[in-house]
C-alpha atoms as a PDB file:
ATOM      1  CA  MET A   1      10.659   3.612   6.209  1.00  0.00           C
ATOM      2  CA  ALA A   2       8.803   2.906   2.978  1.00  0.00           C
ATOM      3  CA  ASP A   3       7.762  -0.560   1.900  1.00  0.00           C
ATOM      4  CA  LEU A   4       6.213  -1.530  -1.395  1.00  0.00           C
ATOM      5  CA  GLY A   5       4.006  -4.571  -1.795  1.00  0.00           C
ATOM      6  CA  SER A   6       3.226  -5.998  -5.203  1.00  0.00           C
ATOM      7  CA  GLY A   7      -0.343  -7.021  -5.012  1.00  0.00           C
ATOM      8  CA  SER A   8      -2.492  -5.140  -2.591  1.00  0.00           C
ATOM      9  CA  GLY A   9      -3.547  -7.963  -0.319  1.00  0.00           C
ATOM     10  CA  MET A  10      -2.885  -9.006   3.223  1.00  0.00           C
ATOM     11  CA  ASP A  11       0.897  -8.579   2.900  1.00  0.00           C
ATOM     12  CA  VAL A  12       0.449  -4.810   2.744  1.00  0.00           C
ATOM     13  CA  PHE A  13      -1.445  -4.788   6.042  1.00  0.00           C
ATOM     14  CA  VAL A  14       1.148  -7.020   7.695  1.00  0.00           C
ATOM     15  CA  ALA A  15       3.830  -4.598   6.484  1.00  0.00           C
ATOM     16  CA  ALA A  16       1.806  -1.701   7.924  1.00  0.00           C
ATOM     17  CA  VAL A  17       1.875  -3.301  11.360  1.00  0.00           C
ATOM     18  CA  THR A  18       5.618  -3.901  10.978  1.00  0.00           C
ATOM     19  CA  VAL A  19       6.502  -0.306  10.026  1.00  0.00           C
ATOM     20  CA  GLY A  20       4.102   1.181  12.574  1.00  0.00           C
ATOM     21  CA  PRO A  21       2.344   4.529  12.389  1.00  0.00           C
ATOM     22  CA  THR A  22       5.478   6.465  11.391  1.00  0.00           C
ATOM     23  CA  GLY A  23       6.365   4.208   8.432  1.00  0.00           C
ATOM     24  CA  ARG A  24       4.776   4.108   4.996  1.00  0.00           C
ATOM     25  CA  VAL A  25       3.524   1.185   2.921  1.00  0.00           C
ATOM     26  CA  THR A  26       2.346   1.308  -0.686  1.00  0.00           C
ATOM     27  CA  GLY A  27       0.380  -1.552  -2.196  1.00  0.00           C
ATOM     28  CA  VAL A  28       0.337  -1.931  -5.967  1.00  0.00           C
ATOM     29  CA  ASP A  29      -2.267  -3.799  -7.982  1.00  0.00           C
ATOM     30  CA  MET A  30      -3.322  -3.797 -11.615  1.00  0.00           C
ATOM     31  CA  THR A  31      -7.067  -4.257 -11.063  1.00  0.00           C
ATOM     32  CA  PRO A  32      -9.397  -1.429 -10.018  1.00  0.00           C
ATOM     33  CA  ALA A  33     -11.675  -3.915  -8.211  1.00  0.00           C
ATOM     34  CA  GLN A  34      -8.816  -5.125  -5.980  1.00  0.00           C
ATOM     35  CA  LEU A  35      -7.682  -1.556  -5.322  1.00  0.00           C
ATOM     36  CA  ASP A  36     -11.231  -0.554  -4.311  1.00  0.00           C
ATOM     37  CA  LYS A  37     -11.509  -3.556  -1.989  1.00  0.00           C
ATOM     38  CA  THR A  38      -8.184  -2.965  -0.270  1.00  0.00           C
ATOM     39  CA  GLU A  39      -8.863   0.749   0.083  1.00  0.00           C
ATOM     40  CA  ARG A  40     -12.101  -0.083   1.916  1.00  0.00           C
ATOM     41  CA  LEU A  41     -10.191  -2.508   4.178  1.00  0.00           C
ATOM     42  CA  ARG A  42      -7.463   0.094   4.775  1.00  0.00           C
ATOM     43  CA  ALA A  43      -9.977   2.763   5.783  1.00  0.00           C
ATOM     44  CA  ALA A  44     -11.896   0.366   8.051  1.00  0.00           C
ATOM     45  CA  ALA A  45      -8.677  -0.711   9.803  1.00  0.00           C
ATOM     46  CA  GLY A  46      -7.416   2.863  10.155  1.00  0.00           C
ATOM     47  CA  PHE A  47      -4.054   2.275   8.462  1.00  0.00           C
ATOM     48  CA  GLU A  48      -3.182   5.877   7.680  1.00  0.00           C
ATOM     49  CA  GLN A  49       0.381   4.874   6.714  1.00  0.00           C
ATOM     50  CA  VAL A  50      -0.907   2.732   3.803  1.00  0.00           C
ATOM     51  CA  THR A  51      -1.637   3.889   0.259  1.00  0.00           C
ATOM     52  CA  PHE A  52      -2.569   1.903  -2.811  1.00  0.00           C
ATOM     53  CA  GLY A  53      -1.609   2.605  -6.392  1.00  0.00           C
ATOM     54  CA  HIS A  54      -2.495   1.236  -9.777  1.00  0.00           C
ATOM     55  CA  GLY A  55       0.406  -0.422 -11.533  1.00  0.00           C
ATOM     56  CA  HIS A  56       2.102  -3.567 -12.699  1.00  0.00           C
ATOM     57  CA  ILE A  57       4.879  -5.498 -10.978  1.00  0.00           C
ATOM     58  CA  ASP A  58       7.183  -4.821 -13.933  1.00  0.00           C
ATOM     59  CA  ALA A  59       6.436  -1.067 -14.024  1.00  0.00           C
ATOM     60  CA  LEU A  60       6.023   0.154 -10.450  1.00  0.00           C
ATOM     61  CA  PRO A  61       4.477   3.599  -9.941  1.00  0.00           C
ATOM     62  CA  VAL A  62       7.182   4.902  -7.577  1.00  0.00           C
ATOM     63  CA  PRO A  63      10.392   6.912  -8.078  1.00  0.00           C
ATOM     64  CA  ASP A  64      13.874   5.422  -8.344  1.00  0.00           C
ATOM     65  CA  ALA A  65      15.576   4.499  -5.060  1.00  0.00           C
ATOM     66  CA  SER A  66      12.502   5.405  -3.010  1.00  0.00           C
ATOM     67  CA  VAL A  67      11.669   2.281  -0.971  1.00  0.00           C
ATOM     68  CA  ASP A  68      13.349   0.245   1.738  1.00  0.00           C
ATOM     69  CA  ALA A  69      11.676  -3.065   0.946  1.00  0.00           C
ATOM     70  CA  VAL A  70       9.785  -4.716  -1.879  1.00  0.00           C
ATOM     71  CA  ILE A  71       7.641  -7.679  -0.905  1.00  0.00           C
ATOM     72  CA  SER A  72       5.761 -10.074  -3.136  1.00  0.00           C
ATOM     73  CA  ASN A  73       3.841 -13.242  -2.405  1.00  0.00           C
ATOM     74  CA  GLY A  74       3.132 -15.503  -5.366  1.00  0.00           C
ATOM     75  CA  VAL A  75       3.007 -12.825  -8.046  1.00  0.00           C
ATOM     76  CA  ILE A  76       6.288 -13.015  -9.960  1.00  0.00           C
ATOM     77  CA  ASN A  77       5.519 -16.469 -11.398  1.00  0.00           C
ATOM     78  CA  LEU A  78       2.528 -14.851 -13.133  1.00  0.00           C
ATOM     79  CA  ALA A  79       4.698 -12.194 -14.841  1.00  0.00           C
ATOM     80  CA  ALA A  80       5.878 -12.943 -18.370  1.00  0.00           C
ATOM     81  CA  ASP A  81       9.176 -11.027 -18.039  1.00  0.00           C
ATOM     82  CA  LYS A  82      10.741 -11.911 -14.703  1.00  0.00           C
ATOM     83  CA  ARG A  83      14.005 -10.116 -15.551  1.00  0.00           C
ATOM     84  CA  ARG A  84      11.974  -6.894 -15.919  1.00  0.00           C
ATOM     85  CA  VAL A  85      10.251  -7.547 -12.575  1.00  0.00           C
ATOM     86  CA  PHE A  86      13.574  -7.898 -10.750  1.00  0.00           C
ATOM     87  CA  ALA A  87      15.014  -4.896 -12.626  1.00  0.00           C
ATOM     88  CA  GLU A  88      12.061  -2.845 -11.331  1.00  0.00           C
ATOM     89  CA  ALA A  89      12.726  -4.005  -7.785  1.00  0.00           C
ATOM     90  CA  GLY A  90      16.357  -2.987  -8.208  1.00  0.00           C
ATOM     91  CA  ARG A  91      15.286   0.393  -9.609  1.00  0.00           C
ATOM     92  CA  VAL A  92      12.938   1.324  -6.763  1.00  0.00           C
ATOM     93  CA  LEU A  93      15.043   0.009  -3.852  1.00  0.00           C
ATOM     94  CA  ARG A  94      17.365   2.314  -1.962  1.00  0.00           C
ATOM     95  CA  ALA A  95      20.947   1.163  -1.338  1.00  0.00           C
ATOM     96  CA  GLY A  96      20.725  -1.545   1.333  1.00  0.00           C
ATOM     97  CA  GLY A  97      17.035  -2.114   0.518  1.00  0.00           C
ATOM     98  CA  ARG A  98      15.548  -5.590   0.678  1.00  0.00           C
ATOM     99  CA  LEU A  99      13.553  -7.773  -1.669  1.00  0.00           C
ATOM    100  CA  ALA A 100      11.523 -10.360   0.267  1.00  0.00           C
ATOM    101  CA  ILE A 101       9.412 -12.735  -1.763  1.00  0.00           C
ATOM    102  CA  ALA A 102       7.667 -16.072  -1.836  1.00  0.00           C
ATOM    103  CA  ASP A 103       7.184 -17.570  -5.279  1.00  0.00           C
ATOM    104  CA  ILE A 104       7.086 -20.738  -7.370  1.00  0.00           C
ATOM    105  CA  VAL A 105      10.187 -21.988  -9.236  1.00  0.00           C
ATOM    106  CA  THR A 106      11.227 -25.135 -11.114  1.00  0.00           C
ATOM    107  CA  GLU A 107      14.229 -27.437 -11.031  1.00  0.00           C
ATOM    108  CA  THR A 108      13.679 -28.539 -14.656  1.00  0.00           C
ATOM    109  CA  GLU A 109      12.767 -26.337 -17.637  1.00  0.00           C
ATOM    110  CA  LEU A 110       9.058 -26.428 -18.406  1.00  0.00           C
ATOM    111  CA  THR A 111       7.932 -27.719 -21.783  1.00  0.00           C
ATOM    112  CA  PRO A 112       6.018 -25.432 -24.183  1.00  0.00           C
ATOM    113  CA  GLN A 113       2.905 -27.537 -23.504  1.00  0.00           C
ATOM    114  CA  ILE A 114       3.122 -26.802 -19.765  1.00  0.00           C
ATOM    115  CA  VAL A 115       3.776 -23.098 -20.353  1.00  0.00           C
ATOM    116  CA  ALA A 116       0.779 -22.884 -22.737  1.00  0.00           C
ATOM    117  CA  ASN A 117      -1.606 -24.677 -20.340  1.00  0.00           C
ATOM    118  CA  THR A 118      -3.957 -22.078 -18.834  1.00  0.00           C
ATOM    119  CA  ASP A 119      -4.934 -24.357 -15.943  1.00  0.00           C
ATOM    120  CA  LEU A 120      -1.269 -24.693 -14.976  1.00  0.00           C
ATOM    121  CA  TRP A 121      -0.785 -20.909 -15.247  1.00  0.00           C
ATOM    122  CA  ALA A 122      -3.729 -20.500 -12.878  1.00  0.00           C
ATOM    123  CA  SER A 123      -2.016 -23.027 -10.568  1.00  0.00           C
ATOM    124  CA  CYS A 124       1.129 -20.817 -10.645  1.00  0.00           C
ATOM    125  CA  ILE A 125       3.100 -23.529 -12.458  1.00  0.00           C
ATOM    126  CA  GLY A 126       2.911 -22.498 -16.141  1.00  0.00           C
ATOM    127  CA  GLY A 127       4.781 -19.258 -15.513  1.00  0.00           C
ATOM    128  CA  ALA A 128       7.315 -20.571 -13.023  1.00  0.00           C
ATOM    129  CA  ALA A 129      10.960 -19.903 -13.869  1.00  0.00           C
ATOM    130  CA  HIS A 130      13.854 -22.303 -13.549  1.00  0.00           C
ATOM    131  CA  THR A 131      15.676 -21.699 -10.255  1.00  0.00           C
ATOM    132  CA  ASN A 132      18.946 -20.790 -12.016  1.00  0.00           C
ATOM    133  CA  ALA A 133      17.249 -18.269 -14.335  1.00  0.00           C
ATOM    134  CA  TYR A 134      15.432 -16.803 -11.344  1.00  0.00           C
ATOM    135  CA  GLN A 135      18.666 -16.307  -9.392  1.00  0.00           C
ATOM    136  CA  GLN A 136      20.431 -14.898 -12.474  1.00  0.00           C
ATOM    137  CA  ALA A 137      17.643 -12.342 -12.965  1.00  0.00           C
ATOM    138  CA  ILE A 138      18.003 -11.245  -9.338  1.00  0.00           C
ATOM    139  CA  ALA A 139      21.773 -10.792  -9.751  1.00  0.00           C
ATOM    140  CA  ALA A 140      21.331  -8.960 -13.081  1.00  0.00           C
ATOM    141  CA  ALA A 141      19.097  -6.461 -11.261  1.00  0.00           C
ATOM    142  CA  GLY A 142      21.968  -5.550  -8.922  1.00  0.00           C
ATOM    143  CA  LEU A 143      20.601  -7.521  -6.000  1.00  0.00           C
ATOM    144  CA  ASP A 144      22.581  -9.916  -3.825  1.00  0.00           C
ATOM    145  CA  LEU A 145      20.781 -13.099  -2.824  1.00  0.00           C
ATOM    146  CA  VAL A 146      21.082 -13.371   0.966  1.00  0.00           C
ATOM    147  CA  ALA A 147      18.927 -16.445   1.608  1.00  0.00           C
ATOM    148  CA  MET A 148      16.658 -18.793  -0.306  1.00  0.00           C
ATOM    149  CA  ARG A 149      14.708 -21.681   1.164  1.00  0.00           C
ATOM    150  CA  SER A 150      12.048 -24.109   0.010  1.00  0.00           C
ATOM    151  CA  ASN A 151       8.602 -23.902   1.562  1.00  0.00           C
ATOM    152  CA  ASP A 152       6.259 -26.748   2.383  1.00  0.00           C
ATOM    153  CA  TYR A 153       3.600 -26.205  -0.264  1.00  0.00           C
ATOM    154  CA  ARG A 154       1.105 -28.624  -1.827  1.00  0.00           C
ATOM    155  CA  PHE A 155      -0.629 -28.010  -5.144  1.00  0.00           C
ATOM    156  CA  LEU A 156      -4.346 -28.743  -5.030  1.00  0.00           C
ATOM    157  CA  SER A 157      -5.218 -30.196  -8.426  1.00  0.00           C
ATOM    158  CA  GLU A 158      -3.973 -33.579  -9.590  1.00  0.00           C
ATOM    159  CA  GLN A 159      -2.686 -31.987 -12.817  1.00  0.00           C
ATOM    160  CA  ALA A 160      -0.699 -29.395 -10.854  1.00  0.00           C
ATOM    161  CA  ARG A 161       0.717 -32.024  -8.492  1.00  0.00           C
ATOM    162  CA  ALA A 162       1.795 -34.197 -11.445  1.00  0.00           C
ATOM    163  CA  ALA A 163       3.469 -31.275 -13.238  1.00  0.00           C
ATOM    164  CA  GLY A 164       5.057 -30.208  -9.967  1.00  0.00           C
ATOM    165  CA  GLU A 165       6.583 -33.629  -9.445  1.00  0.00           C
ATOM    166  CA  ARG A 166       7.748 -33.977 -13.053  1.00  0.00           C
ATOM    167  CA  PHE A 167       9.447 -30.573 -13.235  1.00  0.00           C
ATOM    168  CA  GLY A 168      10.501 -30.094  -9.612  1.00  0.00           C
ATOM    169  CA  VAL A 169       8.114 -27.190  -9.119  1.00  0.00           C
ATOM    170  CA  HIS A 170       8.175 -25.856  -5.576  1.00  0.00           C
ATOM    171  CA  SER A 171       7.605 -22.793  -3.460  1.00  0.00           C
ATOM    172  CA  VAL A 172      10.555 -20.739  -2.256  1.00  0.00           C
ATOM    173  CA  SER A 173      11.049 -17.761  -0.006  1.00  0.00           C
ATOM    174  CA  LEU A 174      14.009 -15.519  -0.568  1.00  0.00           C
ATOM    175  CA  LEU A 175      15.695 -12.407   0.693  1.00  0.00           C
ATOM    176  CA  ALA A 176      17.919 -10.278  -1.531  1.00  0.00           C
ATOM    177  CA  ARG A 177      19.590  -6.954  -0.789  1.00  0.00           C
ATOM    178  CA  LYS A 178      20.535  -4.056  -3.021  1.00  0.00           C
ATOM    179  CA  GLY A 179      24.233  -3.231  -2.638  1.00  0.00           C
END
């Protein structure tokens, strides 16, 4: 079994426990500092089944149809081209492979002022996609949405909470499968 995590944080280590010593997990991150940190953590924990690679969520450094699962936690809302992100997941997943993510979406289209607000991008709101566009991008990538649910999530700043309420911004978890 091979799993791919976008972002090389804790999710990769949770996946390593899940696949066990005979599975493989690859974490992907775009920053050398994060890759160095997670490599130190990997070595200290003895996760021999884990590797880390430099890359971007919309250009994964793995071959076509080479992984069983792609996981992401709060990264896709930070990508400018979500359709490309989901197309990459579709490219790297084997038939029957799973996409399991948690992310931020909106019920109402964001205004240009919200999208251009750096504080709201940092709060994971400025880059959030409309739920319908998000689901359409998943389908366009050849993935079938199996389940999608809202998560109990509270934004910390007053500005983020206000934008969240105005535009119906919320956290979701979803599972999709490649046919």
